[in-house]
PDB file of N, CA and C in Angstrom:
ATOM      1  N   UNK A   1      66.700 123.634 126.058  1.00  0.00           N
ATOM      2  CA  UNK A   1      67.306 124.041 125.193  1.00  0.00           C
ATOM      3  C   UNK A   1      69.147 124.832 125.375  1.00  0.00           C
ATOM      4  N   UNK A   2      69.526 124.108 124.494  1.00  0.00           N
ATOM      5  CA  UNK A   2      71.787 124.568 124.466  1.00  0.00           C
ATOM      6  C   UNK A   2      71.985 125.654 124.012  1.00  0.00           C
ATOM      7  N   UNK A   3      73.104 126.094 124.795  1.00  0.00           N
ATOM      8  CA  UNK A   3      73.553 127.411 124.964  1.00  0.00           C
ATOM      9  C   UNK A   3      73.950 126.843 123.661  1.00  0.00           C
ATOM     10  N   UNK A   4      74.051 127.502 122.551  1.00  0.00           N
ATOM     11  CA  UNK A   4      74.558 128.088 121.381  1.00  0.00           C
ATOM     12  C   UNK A   4      75.491 130.025 121.116  1.00  0.00           C
ATOM     13  N   UNK A   5      76.612 129.507 121.182  1.00  0.00           N
ATOM     14  CA  UNK A   5      77.584 130.480 120.662  1.00  0.00           C
ATOM     15  C   UNK A   5      78.142 130.372 119.160  1.00  0.00           C
ATOM     16  N   UNK A   6      78.580 131.363 118.667  1.00  0.00           N
ATOM     17  CA  UNK A   6      79.404 131.230 117.067  1.00  0.00           C
ATOM     18  C   UNK A   6      80.342 132.286 117.171  1.00  0.00           C
ATOM     19  N   UNK A   7      81.507 132.625 117.232  1.00  0.00           N
ATOM     20  CA  UNK A   7      81.978 134.285 117.191  1.00  0.00           C
ATOM     21  C   UNK A   7      82.338 134.304 115.105  1.00  0.00           C
ATOM     22  N   UNK A   8      81.865 135.171 115.258  1.00  0.00           N
ATOM     23  CA  UNK A   8      82.280 135.664 113.513  1.00  0.00           C
ATOM     24  C   UNK A   8      82.837 136.753 112.645  1.00  0.00           C
ATOM     25  N   UNK A   9      82.759 137.073 111.739  1.00  0.00           N
ATOM     26  CA  UNK A   9      83.031 138.612 111.335  1.00  0.00           C
ATOM     27  C   UNK A   9      81.589 138.719 109.987  1.00  0.00           C
ATOM     28  N   UNK A  10      82.139 140.404 109.791  1.00  0.00           N
ATOM     29  CA  UNK A  10      80.702 140.537 108.512  1.00  0.00           C
ATOM     30  C   UNK A  10      80.535 139.806 107.849  1.00  0.00           C
ATOM     31  N   UNK A  11      81.806 139.904 107.151  1.00  0.00           N
ATOM     32  CA  UNK A  11      82.163 139.986 105.112  1.00  0.00           C
ATOM     33  C   UNK A  11      82.476 137.973 105.411  1.00  0.00           C
ATOM     34  N   UNK A  12      82.189 137.242 106.511  1.00  0.00           N
ATOM     35  CA  UNK A  12      83.157 135.699 106.055  1.00  0.00           C
ATOM     36  C   UNK A  12      81.418 134.537 106.024  1.00  0.00           C
ATOM     37  N   UNK A  13      81.398 134.264 104.458  1.00  0.00           N
ATOM     38  CA  UNK A  13      80.707 133.147 103.916  1.00  0.00           C
ATOM     39  C   UNK A  13      80.676 132.127 104.474  1.00  0.00           C
ATOM     40  N   UNK A  14      81.684 131.822 104.932  1.00  0.00           N
ATOM     41  CA  UNK A  14      81.351 130.507 105.856  1.00  0.00           C
ATOM     42  C   UNK A  14      79.962 130.330 106.974  1.00  0.00           C
ATOM     43  N   UNK A  15      80.396 131.618 107.965  1.00  0.00           N
ATOM     44  CA  UNK A  15      80.083 132.425 108.739  1.00  0.00           C
ATOM     45  C   UNK A  15      78.482 132.307 108.533  1.00  0.00           C
ATOM     46  N   UNK A  16      77.870 133.389 107.970  1.00  0.00           N
ATOM     47  CA  UNK A  16      76.523 132.819 106.954  1.00  0.00           C
ATOM     48  C   UNK A  16      76.078 131.619 106.709  1.00  0.00           C
ATOM     49  N   UNK A  17      76.842 130.383 106.156  1.00  0.00           N
ATOM     50  CA  UNK A  17      76.060 129.395 106.003  1.00  0.00           C
ATOM     51  C   UNK A  17      75.753 128.618 107.524  1.00  0.00           C
ATOM     52  N   UNK A  18      76.589 128.901 108.901  1.00  0.00           N
ATOM     53  CA  UNK A  18      77.037 127.490 109.349  1.00  0.00           C
ATOM     54  C   UNK A  18      75.794 128.917 109.835  1.00  0.00           C
ATOM     55  N   UNK A  19      75.652 129.936 110.094  1.00  0.00           N
ATOM     56  CA  UNK A  19      74.409 130.896 110.743  1.00  0.00           C
ATOM     57  C   UNK A  19      72.907 129.430 110.164  1.00  0.00           C
ATOM     58  N   UNK A  20      72.865 129.819 108.750  1.00  0.00           N
ATOM     59  CA  UNK A  20      71.713 129.400 107.969  1.00  0.00           C
ATOM     60  C   UNK A  20      71.656 128.405 108.208  1.00  0.00           C
ATOM     61  N   UNK A  21      72.683 127.245 108.835  1.00  0.00           N
ATOM     62  CA  UNK A  21      72.261 126.361 109.389  1.00  0.00           C
ATOM     63  C   UNK A  21      70.890 125.510 110.169  1.00  0.00           C
ATOM     64  N   UNK A  22      72.217 126.915 111.409  1.00  0.00           N
ATOM     65  CA  UNK A  22      71.534 127.269 112.653  1.00  0.00           C
ATOM     66  C   UNK A  22      69.946 126.696 112.669  1.00  0.00           C
ATOM     67  N   UNK A  23      70.017 128.396 112.112  1.00  0.00           N
ATOM     68  CA  UNK A  23      68.558 129.178 112.032  1.00  0.00           C
ATOM     69  C   UNK A  23      67.600 127.817 111.446  1.00  0.00           C
ATOM     70  N   UNK A  24      68.248 127.233 110.159  1.00  0.00           N
ATOM     71  CA  UNK A  24      67.389 126.116 109.835  1.00  0.00           C
ATOM     72  C   UNK A  24      66.727 124.848 110.325  1.00  0.00           C
ATOM     73  N   UNK A  25      67.346 124.701 111.361  1.00  0.00           N
ATOM     74  CA  UNK A  25      67.125 123.178 112.692  1.00  0.00           C
ATOM     75  C   UNK A  25      66.478 124.322 113.757  1.00  0.00           C
ATOM     76  N   UNK A  26      65.534 125.466 113.593  1.00  0.00           N
ATOM     77  CA  UNK A  26      65.071 126.423 114.640  1.00  0.00           C
ATOM     78  C   UNK A  26      65.632 126.679 116.082  1.00  0.00           C
ATOM     79  N   UNK A  27      67.183 126.437 115.887  1.00  0.00           N
ATOM     80  CA  UNK A  27      67.918 126.512 117.555  1.00  0.00           C
ATOM     81  C   UNK A  27      68.395 127.912 116.652  1.00  0.00           C
ATOM     82  N   UNK A  28      68.727 128.885 118.398  1.00  0.00           N
ATOM     83  CA  UNK A  28      69.200 129.990 119.559  1.00  0.00           C
ATOM     84  C   UNK A  28      69.913 129.996 119.290  1.00  0.00           C
ATOM     85  N   UNK A  29      70.691 130.914 118.630  1.00  0.00           N
ATOM     86  CA  UNK A  29      72.243 130.919 118.771  1.00  0.00           C
ATOM     87  C   UNK A  29      72.532 132.797 119.552  1.00  0.00           C
ATOM     88  N   UNK A  30      74.233 133.279 120.196  1.00  0.00           N
ATOM     89  CA  UNK A  30      74.503 133.967 120.430  1.00  0.00           C
ATOM     90  C   UNK A  30      75.514 133.965 119.585  1.00  0.00           C
ATOM     91  N   UNK A  31      75.533 135.084 118.385  1.00  0.00           N
ATOM     92  CA  UNK A  31      76.449 135.614 118.060  1.00  0.00           C
ATOM     93  C   UNK A  31      77.544 136.816 118.531  1.00  0.00           C
ATOM     94  N   UNK A  32      79.386 136.175 118.493  1.00  0.00           N
ATOM     95  CA  UNK A  32      79.679 137.393 118.943  1.00  0.00           C
ATOM     96  C   UNK A  32      80.601 137.778 117.767  1.00  0.00           C
ATOM     97  N   UNK A  33      79.978 139.184 117.372  1.00  0.00           N
ATOM     98  CA  UNK A  33      80.709 139.719 116.131  1.00  0.00           C
ATOM     99  C   UNK A  33      81.945 139.796 116.953  1.00  0.00           C
ATOM    100  N   UNK A  34      83.090 139.537 115.856  1.00  0.00           N
ATOM    101  CA  UNK A  34      83.982 139.465 115.850  1.00  0.00           C
ATOM    102  C   UNK A  34      84.631 141.375 115.190  1.00  0.00           C
ATOM    103  N   UNK A  35      84.308 141.676 114.073  1.00  0.00           N
ATOM    104  CA  UNK A  35      83.935 142.608 113.269  1.00  0.00           C
ATOM    105  C   UNK A  35      83.856 143.953 114.809  1.00  0.00           C
ATOM    106  N   UNK A  36      82.800 143.958 115.813  1.00  0.00           N
ATOM    107  CA  UNK A  36      81.789 144.463 116.059  1.00  0.00           C
ATOM    108  C   UNK A  36      82.674 144.760 117.205  1.00  0.00           C
ATOM    109  N   UNK A  37      83.090 143.436 117.672  1.00  0.00           N
ATOM    110  CA  UNK A  37      84.414 143.220 119.489  1.00  0.00           C
ATOM    111  C   UNK A  37      85.338 142.423 119.539  1.00  0.00           C
ATOM    112  N   UNK A  38      87.029 143.382 118.152  1.00  0.00           N
ATOM    113  CA  UNK A  38      87.359 142.638 118.373  1.00  0.00           C
ATOM    114  C   UNK A  38      88.424 142.187 118.922  1.00  0.00           C
ATOM    115  N   UNK A  39      88.191 142.686 120.316  1.00  0.00           N
ATOM    116  CA  UNK A  39      88.951 142.764 121.109  1.00  0.00           C
ATOM    117  C   UNK A  39      88.655 141.022 121.864  1.00  0.00           C
ATOM    118  N   UNK A  40      88.008 140.364 121.503  1.00  0.00           N
ATOM    119  CA  UNK A  40      87.322 139.087 122.008  1.00  0.00           C
ATOM    120  C   UNK A  40      87.758 137.381 121.219  1.00  0.00           C
ATOM    121  N   UNK A  41      88.435 138.117 119.985  1.00  0.00           N
ATOM    122  CA  UNK A  41      89.185 137.375 119.304  1.00  0.00           C
ATOM    123  C   UNK A  41      89.913 136.292 120.110  1.00  0.00           C
ATOM    124  N   UNK A  42      91.230 137.280 121.393  1.00  0.00           N
ATOM    125  CA  UNK A  42      91.917 136.203 121.925  1.00  0.00           C
ATOM    126  C   UNK A  42      91.010 135.425 122.414  1.00  0.00           C
ATOM    127  N   UNK A  43      89.297 135.614 123.070  1.00  0.00           N
ATOM    128  CA  UNK A  43      88.989 134.685 123.415  1.00  0.00           C
ATOM    129  C   UNK A  43      89.103 133.593 123.127  1.00  0.00           C
ATOM    130  N   UNK A  44      87.769 133.817 122.210  1.00  0.00           N
ATOM    131  CA  UNK A  44      87.767 132.505 120.735  1.00  0.00           C
ATOM    132  C   UNK A  44      89.002 132.004 120.992  1.00  0.00           C
ATOM    133  N   UNK A  45      90.546 132.032 120.722  1.00  0.00           N
ATOM    134  CA  UNK A  45      90.925 131.444 120.559  1.00  0.00           C
ATOM    135  C   UNK A  45      91.774 130.819 121.511  1.00  0.00           C
ATOM    136  N   UNK A  46      91.530 131.786 122.303  1.00  0.00           N
ATOM    137  CA  UNK A  46      92.283 130.193 124.054  1.00  0.00           C
ATOM    138  C   UNK A  46      90.869 129.301 124.134  1.00  0.00           C
ATOM    139  N   UNK A  47      90.252 129.651 123.865  1.00  0.00           N
ATOM    140  CA  UNK A  47      88.359 128.612 124.210  1.00  0.00           C
ATOM    141  C   UNK A  47      88.525 127.818 122.860  1.00  0.00           C
ATOM    142  N   UNK A  48      89.364 128.234 122.288  1.00  0.00           N
ATOM    143  CA  UNK A  48      89.799 126.856 120.456  1.00  0.00           C
ATOM    144  C   UNK A  48      90.796 126.711 120.544  1.00  0.00           C
ATOM    145  N   UNK A  49      91.302 126.328 121.003  1.00  0.00           N
ATOM    146  CA  UNK A  49      93.258 125.725 121.891  1.00  0.00           C
ATOM    147  C   UNK A  49      93.902 126.093 120.855  1.00  0.00           C
ATOM    148  N   UNK A  50      93.724 127.340 120.236  1.00  0.00           N
ATOM    149  CA  UNK A  50      94.932 128.513 118.590  1.00  0.00           C
ATOM    150  C   UNK A  50      93.324 128.749 117.512  1.00  0.00           C
ATOM    151  N   UNK A  51      92.513 127.909 117.362  1.00  0.00           N
ATOM    152  CA  UNK A  51      92.040 129.001 115.864  1.00  0.00           C
ATOM    153  C   UNK A  51      91.908 129.809 116.100  1.00  0.00           C
ATOM    154  N   UNK A  52      92.391 130.493 115.263  1.00  0.00           N
ATOM    155  CA  UNK A  52      91.947 131.583 114.606  1.00  0.00           C
ATOM    156  C   UNK A  52      91.112 132.420 113.427  1.00  0.00           C
ATOM    157  N   UNK A  53      90.555 131.062 112.978  1.00  0.00           N
ATOM    158  CA  UNK A  53      89.917 131.059 111.396  1.00  0.00           C
ATOM    159  C   UNK A  53      88.145 131.214 112.185  1.00  0.00           C
ATOM    160  N   UNK A  54      86.656 132.011 111.479  1.00  0.00           N
ATOM    161  CA  UNK A  54      85.640 132.015 112.051  1.00  0.00           C
ATOM    162  C   UNK A  54      85.183 131.259 110.849  1.00  0.00           C
ATOM    163  N   UNK A  55      83.717 131.110 110.865  1.00  0.00           N
ATOM    164  CA  UNK A  55      83.586 130.860 112.276  1.00  0.00           C
ATOM    165  C   UNK A  55      83.394 129.878 113.468  1.00  0.00           C
ATOM    166  N   UNK A  56      83.687 129.829 114.641  1.00  0.00           N
ATOM    167  CA  UNK A  56      84.296 129.449 115.653  1.00  0.00           C
ATOM    168  C   UNK A  56      82.365 128.728 116.288  1.00  0.00           C
ATOM    169  N   UNK A  57      82.013 127.707 116.323  1.00  0.00           N
ATOM    170  CA  UNK A  57      80.912 127.333 117.847  1.00  0.00           C
ATOM    171  C   UNK A  57      80.841 126.191 118.317  1.00  0.00           C
ATOM    172  N   UNK A  58      80.495 127.013 119.456  1.00  0.00           N
ATOM    173  CA  UNK A  58      80.405 126.494 120.877  1.00  0.00           C
ATOM    174  C   UNK A  58      78.731 126.376 121.201  1.00  0.00           C
ATOM    175  N   UNK A  59      78.818 124.537 121.139  1.00  0.00           N
ATOM    176  CA  UNK A  59      77.576 123.949 122.165  1.00  0.00           C
ATOM    177  C   UNK A  59      77.475 123.620 123.505  1.00  0.00           C
ATOM    178  N   UNK A  60      76.920 124.506 123.791  1.00  0.00           N
ATOM    179  CA  UNK A  60      76.866 123.721 125.543  1.00  0.00           C
ATOM    180  C   UNK A  60      78.767 123.994 126.362  1.00  0.00           C
ATOM    181  N   UNK A  61      79.362 124.769 125.887  1.00  0.00           N
ATOM    182  CA  UNK A  61      80.995 125.270 126.130  1.00  0.00           C
ATOM    183  C   UNK A  61      81.286 123.879 125.057  1.00  0.00           C
ATOM    184  N   UNK A  62      81.397 123.363 125.082  1.00  0.00           N
ATOM    185  CA  UNK A  62      82.051 122.261 123.676  1.00  0.00           C
ATOM    186  C   UNK A  62      82.057 122.904 122.561  1.00  0.00           C
ATOM    187  N   UNK A  63      83.550 122.750 122.362  1.00  0.00           N
ATOM    188  CA  UNK A  63      83.794 123.630 120.824  1.00  0.00           C
ATOM    189  C   UNK A  63      83.629 122.538 120.172  1.00  0.00           C
ATOM    190  N   UNK A  64      82.256 122.442 118.424  1.00  0.00           N
ATOM    191  CA  UNK A  64      82.199 122.269 117.616  1.00  0.00           C
ATOM    192  C   UNK A  64      83.486 121.839 116.760  1.00  0.00           C
ATOM    193  N   UNK A  65      84.113 123.186 116.621  1.00  0.00           N
ATOM    194  CA  UNK A  65      84.863 123.862 115.462  1.00  0.00           C
ATOM    195  C   UNK A  65      83.986 124.822 114.462  1.00  0.00           C
ATOM    196  N   UNK A  66      84.772 124.871 113.298  1.00  0.00           N
ATOM    197  CA  UNK A  66      83.689 125.585 112.039  1.00  0.00           C
ATOM    198  C   UNK A  66      82.773 125.615 111.405  1.00  0.00           C
ATOM    199  N   UNK A  67      82.254 126.046 109.908  1.00  0.00           N
ATOM    200  CA  UNK A  67      81.587 125.541 109.646  1.00  0.00           C
ATOM    201  C   UNK A  67      81.723 124.118 108.825  1.00  0.00           C
ATOM    202  N   UNK A  68      82.982 123.982 108.578  1.00  0.00           N
ATOM    203  CA  UNK A  68      82.749 122.855 108.285  1.00  0.00           C
ATOM    204  C   UNK A  68      82.753 121.369 108.676  1.00  0.00           C
ATOM    205  N   UNK A  69      82.441 121.641 110.443  1.00  0.00           N
ATOM    206  CA  UNK A  69      82.515 121.427 111.033  1.00  0.00           C
ATOM    207  C   UNK A  69      81.041 120.696 111.873  1.00  0.00           C
ATOM    208  N   UNK A  70      81.125 122.067 111.443  1.00  0.00           N
ATOM    209  CA  UNK A  70      78.919 121.652 111.482  1.00  0.00           C
ATOM    210  C   UNK A  70      78.855 120.675 110.544  1.00  0.00           C
ATOM    211  N   UNK A  71      78.751 121.208 109.818  1.00  0.00           N
ATOM    212  CA  UNK A  71      77.954 120.339 108.663  1.00  0.00           C
ATOM    213  C   UNK A  71      78.586 119.120 108.404  1.00  0.00           C
ATOM    214  N   UNK A  72      79.115 117.865 108.693  1.00  0.00           N
ATOM    215  CA  UNK A  72      79.607 117.143 109.080  1.00  0.00           C
ATOM    216  C   UNK A  72      79.296 116.886 110.522  1.00  0.00           C
ATOM    217  N   UNK A  73      79.124 116.793 111.022  1.00  0.00           N
ATOM    218  CA  UNK A  73      78.549 116.638 112.388  1.00  0.00           C
ATOM    219  C   UNK A  73      76.702 116.184 111.603  1.00  0.00           C
ATOM    220  N   UNK A  74      76.504 117.011 110.980  1.00  0.00           N
ATOM    221  CA  UNK A  74      75.169 116.786 110.932  1.00  0.00           C
ATOM    222  C   UNK A  74      75.254 115.847 109.968  1.00  0.00           C
ATOM    223  N   UNK A  75      75.511 115.752 109.551  1.00  0.00           N
ATOM    224  CA  UNK A  75      75.759 114.841 108.066  1.00  0.00           C
ATOM    225  C   UNK A  75      75.579 113.436 108.396  1.00  0.00           C
ATOM    226  N   UNK A  76      76.525 113.437 110.076  1.00  0.00           N
ATOM    227  CA  UNK A  76      76.500 111.583 110.671  1.00  0.00           C
ATOM    228  C   UNK A  76      75.159 111.731 111.185  1.00  0.00           C
ATOM    229  N   UNK A  77      74.608 112.798 111.522  1.00  0.00           N
ATOM    230  CA  UNK A  77      73.342 113.432 112.333  1.00  0.00           C
ATOM    231  C   UNK A  77      73.434 112.988 114.342  1.00  0.00           C
ATOM    232  N   UNK A  78      74.672 114.130 114.396  1.00  0.00           N
ATOM    233  CA  UNK A  78      75.207 114.863 115.301  1.00  0.00           C
ATOM    234  C   UNK A  78      74.759 115.581 115.715  1.00  0.00           C
ATOM    235  N   UNK A  79      74.048 116.536 114.692  1.00  0.00           N
ATOM    236  CA  UNK A  79      73.691 117.581 115.408  1.00  0.00           C
ATOM    237  C   UNK A  79      72.156 117.916 116.442  1.00  0.00           C
ATOM    238  N   UNK A  80      71.708 116.825 115.827  1.00  0.00           N
ATOM    239  CA  UNK A  80      69.904 117.075 116.294  1.00  0.00           C
ATOM    240  C   UNK A  80      70.560 116.756 117.756  1.00  0.00           C
ATOM    241  N   UNK A  81      71.051 115.916 118.200  1.00  0.00           N
ATOM    242  CA  UNK A  81      70.668 115.987 119.114  1.00  0.00           C
ATOM    243  C   UNK A  81      71.575 116.763 120.360  1.00  0.00           C
ATOM    244  N   UNK A  82      72.514 117.483 120.040  1.00  0.00           N
ATOM    245  CA  UNK A  82      73.044 118.085 120.171  1.00  0.00           C
ATOM    246  C   UNK A  82      71.656 119.834 120.875  1.00  0.00           C
ATOM    247  N   UNK A  83      70.831 119.851 119.546  1.00  0.00           N
ATOM    248  CA  UNK A  83      70.313 120.491 119.618  1.00  0.00           C
ATOM    249  C   UNK A  83      69.126 120.769 120.088  1.00  0.00           C
ATOM    250  N   UNK A  84      68.151 119.360 120.190  1.00  0.00           N
ATOM    251  CA  UNK A  84      67.404 118.737 121.071  1.00  0.00           C
ATOM    252  C   UNK A  84      66.519 118.538 120.806  1.00  0.00           C
ATOM    253  N   UNK A  85      67.087 117.868 119.589  1.00  0.00           N
ATOM    254  CA  UNK A  85      65.477 118.410 118.518  1.00  0.00           C
ATOM    255  C   UNK A  85      65.327 116.659 117.775  1.00  0.00           C
TER     256      UNK A  85
END
Protein backbone atom coordinates (compact mmCIF):
# COMPACT_ATOMS: atom_id res chain seq x y z
CA UNK A 1 0.00 0.00 0.00
CA UNK A 2 1.37 3.40 -0.88
CA UNK A 3 1.65 6.13 1.70
CA UNK A 4 -0.88 8.81 0.76
CA UNK A 5 -1.07 12.18 2.48
CA UNK A 6 -3.56 14.92 1.72
CA UNK A 7 -3.45 18.42 3.18
CA UNK A 8 -6.98 19.81 3.58
CA UNK A 9 -9.21 22.37 5.21
CA UNK A 10 -12.71 21.60 6.44
CA UNK A 11 -14.56 24.01 4.11
CA UNK A 12 -12.70 23.23 0.88
CA UNK A 13 -14.94 21.60 -1.77
CA UNK A 14 -11.88 20.53 -3.79
CA UNK A 15 -10.55 18.71 -0.72
CA UNK A 16 -13.82 16.81 -0.42
CA UNK A 17 -13.71 15.92 -4.13
CA UNK A 18 -10.12 14.64 -3.91
CA UNK A 19 -10.93 12.54 -0.84
CA UNK A 20 -14.02 11.19 -2.61
CA UNK A 21 -11.93 9.99 -5.57
CA UNK A 22 -9.36 8.36 -3.29
CA UNK A 23 -12.16 6.68 -1.32
CA UNK A 24 -13.77 5.43 -4.56
CA UNK A 25 -10.42 3.89 -5.45
CA UNK A 26 -10.30 2.17 -2.05
CA UNK A 27 -7.15 4.07 -1.11
CA UNK A 28 -6.23 4.64 2.51
CA UNK A 29 -4.82 8.07 3.21
CA UNK A 30 -3.70 10.30 6.04
CA UNK A 31 -5.52 13.60 6.16
CA UNK A 32 -3.59 16.57 7.49
CA UNK A 33 -6.19 19.15 8.46
CA UNK A 34 -4.88 22.68 8.27
CA UNK A 35 -8.11 23.76 9.95
CA UNK A 36 -7.14 21.79 13.06
CA UNK A 37 -3.37 22.22 12.71
CA UNK A 38 -2.73 25.53 10.91
CA UNK A 39 0.94 25.48 11.93
CA UNK A 40 1.49 22.66 9.41
CA UNK A 41 0.72 24.95 6.45
CA UNK A 42 4.36 26.10 6.23
CA UNK A 43 5.51 22.48 6.07
CA UNK A 44 3.05 21.91 3.22
CA UNK A 45 4.30 25.03 1.41
CA UNK A 46 7.89 23.80 1.76
CA UNK A 47 6.99 20.34 0.45
CA UNK A 48 5.10 21.78 -2.54
CA UNK A 49 7.69 24.37 -3.57
CA UNK A 50 5.45 27.26 -2.62
CA UNK A 51 1.91 26.09 -3.26
CA UNK A 52 -0.44 27.45 -0.61
CA UNK A 53 -3.78 26.12 -1.90
CA UNK A 54 -5.48 22.95 -0.71
CA UNK A 55 -5.74 20.13 -1.23
CA UNK A 56 -2.14 19.11 -1.76
CA UNK A 57 -1.67 15.40 -2.31
CA UNK A 58 1.41 13.21 -1.91
CA UNK A 59 1.76 9.56 -2.84
CA UNK A 60 4.87 7.89 -1.43
CA UNK A 61 6.30 11.37 -0.79
CA UNK A 62 5.91 12.34 -4.48
CA UNK A 63 3.92 15.55 -4.88
CA UNK A 64 0.89 14.89 -7.07
CA UNK A 65 -0.56 18.38 -6.78
CA UNK A 66 -4.11 19.49 -6.09
CA UNK A 67 -7.55 18.12 -6.88
CA UNK A 68 -7.42 18.95 -10.60
CA UNK A 69 -4.01 17.30 -10.85
CA UNK A 70 -5.33 14.16 -9.12
CA UNK A 71 -8.33 13.91 -11.46
CA UNK A 72 -6.14 14.56 -14.52
CA UNK A 73 -3.74 11.83 -13.42
CA UNK A 74 -6.68 9.45 -13.04
CA UNK A 75 -8.08 10.39 -16.47
CA UNK A 76 -4.70 9.57 -18.07
CA UNK A 77 -4.63 6.19 -16.32
CA UNK A 78 -1.74 7.17 -14.08
CA UNK A 79 -3.41 7.05 -10.68
CA UNK A 80 -4.23 3.35 -10.40
CA UNK A 81 -0.60 2.22 -10.86
CA UNK A 82 0.49 4.60 -8.09
CA UNK A 83 -2.22 3.20 -5.83
CA UNK A 84 -1.24 -0.37 -6.63
CA UNK A 85 -4.63 -1.05 -8.23
